[in-house]
């Protein structure tokens, strides 16, 4: 399951997220999203946990918890909508 984490400290790294979530299950990936030009954190990231039950437990335990000085938002990631750029408006 893919998990969305928001309100991250600008210093948080993917390794930091991995270390936080590995306490709840097998982490397949962890990354902080950065600006493509400045390479600075956008303050959110994603973690993928192998087991859905482990992911749900992590969400329940970590949502609104303090991490690196910030109260983080943790929830199930929603798939992004595909935008048809050729569609007439």
Protein backbone atom coordinates (compact mmCIF):
# COMPACT_ATOMS: atom_id res chain seq x y z
CA UNK A 1 0.00 0.00 0.00
CA UNK A 2 1.21 3.47 -0.86
CA UNK A 3 1.09 6.01 1.98
CA UNK A 4 1.13 9.82 1.64
CA UNK A 5 2.96 11.82 4.32
CA UNK A 6 2.57 15.62 4.49
CA UNK A 7 3.87 18.48 6.63
CA UNK A 8 7.37 17.05 6.66
CA UNK A 9 10.33 19.06 7.86
CA UNK A 10 12.24 20.44 4.89
CA UNK A 11 15.27 18.48 6.14
CA UNK A 12 13.47 15.09 6.09
CA UNK A 13 14.99 12.55 3.70
CA UNK A 14 13.71 9.34 2.17
CA UNK A 15 15.99 7.45 4.56
CA UNK A 16 14.32 9.22 7.50
CA UNK A 17 10.89 8.10 6.25
CA UNK A 18 12.14 4.54 5.74
CA UNK A 19 13.51 4.46 9.30
CA UNK A 20 10.20 5.71 10.70
CA UNK A 21 7.97 3.30 8.78
CA UNK A 22 10.14 0.18 9.01
CA UNK A 23 8.93 -0.07 12.61
CA UNK A 24 5.51 -1.03 11.19
CA UNK A 25 6.38 -3.39 8.34
CA UNK A 26 8.45 -4.10 5.25
CA UNK A 27 9.09 -0.83 3.40
CA UNK A 28 9.33 -1.30 -0.37
CA UNK A 29 10.14 2.35 -1.09
CA UNK A 30 10.32 5.72 0.66
CA UNK A 31 10.89 9.10 -0.93
CA UNK A 32 10.49 12.79 -0.27
CA UNK A 33 9.23 14.81 -3.22
CA UNK A 34 11.51 17.64 -4.28
CA UNK A 35 11.30 20.61 -6.61
CA UNK A 36 12.74 19.65 -9.99
CA UNK A 37 14.73 22.86 -10.32
CA UNK A 38 15.91 23.67 -6.80
CA UNK A 39 15.94 20.05 -5.54
CA UNK A 40 14.50 21.31 -2.24
CA UNK A 41 11.84 19.33 -0.41
CA UNK A 42 8.21 20.15 -1.13
CA UNK A 43 7.32 18.99 2.40
CA UNK A 44 5.62 15.72 1.47
CA UNK A 45 6.53 12.22 0.46
CA UNK A 46 5.41 8.65 -0.09
CA UNK A 47 6.17 5.33 1.55
CA UNK A 48 5.12 1.98 0.13
CA UNK A 49 4.63 -0.81 2.68
CA UNK A 50 4.32 -4.38 1.48
CA UNK A 51 1.44 -5.47 3.74
CA UNK A 52 -1.83 -3.56 3.67
CA UNK A 53 -2.56 -4.40 7.32
CA UNK A 54 0.89 -3.11 8.35
CA UNK A 55 0.33 0.05 6.30
CA UNK A 56 -3.05 0.69 7.92
CA UNK A 57 -1.50 0.21 11.37
CA UNK A 58 1.27 2.70 10.50
CA UNK A 59 -1.30 5.24 9.30
CA UNK A 60 -3.33 4.87 12.48
CA UNK A 61 -0.30 5.23 14.75
CA UNK A 62 1.57 7.98 12.90
CA UNK A 63 -1.21 10.32 11.69
CA UNK A 64 -0.92 13.63 13.55
CA UNK A 65 2.20 12.46 15.40
CA UNK A 66 5.28 14.63 15.78
CA UNK A 67 8.23 13.80 13.54
CA UNK A 68 11.35 15.94 13.33
CA UNK A 69 9.54 18.87 14.93
CA UNK A 70 6.42 18.80 12.73
CA UNK A 71 2.99 17.26 13.27
CA UNK A 72 2.72 15.04 10.20
CA UNK A 73 -0.31 14.02 8.17
CA UNK A 74 -0.29 10.32 7.24
CA UNK A 75 -2.96 8.76 5.04
CA UNK A 76 -3.52 6.28 2.25
CA UNK A 77 -2.24 7.74 -1.02
CA UNK A 78 -4.90 8.31 -3.64
CA UNK A 79 -4.15 7.52 -7.28
CA UNK A 80 -3.53 10.61 -9.35
CA UNK A 81 -6.14 11.55 -11.92
CA UNK A 82 -5.09 11.25 -15.52
CA UNK A 83 -5.72 14.48 -17.38
CA UNK A 84 -6.53 14.24 -21.06
CA UNK A 85 -4.72 17.28 -22.43
CA UNK A 86 -6.27 16.76 -25.88
CA UNK A 87 -9.81 17.10 -24.58
CA UNK A 88 -11.71 20.19 -25.78
CA UNK A 89 -12.84 22.46 -22.99
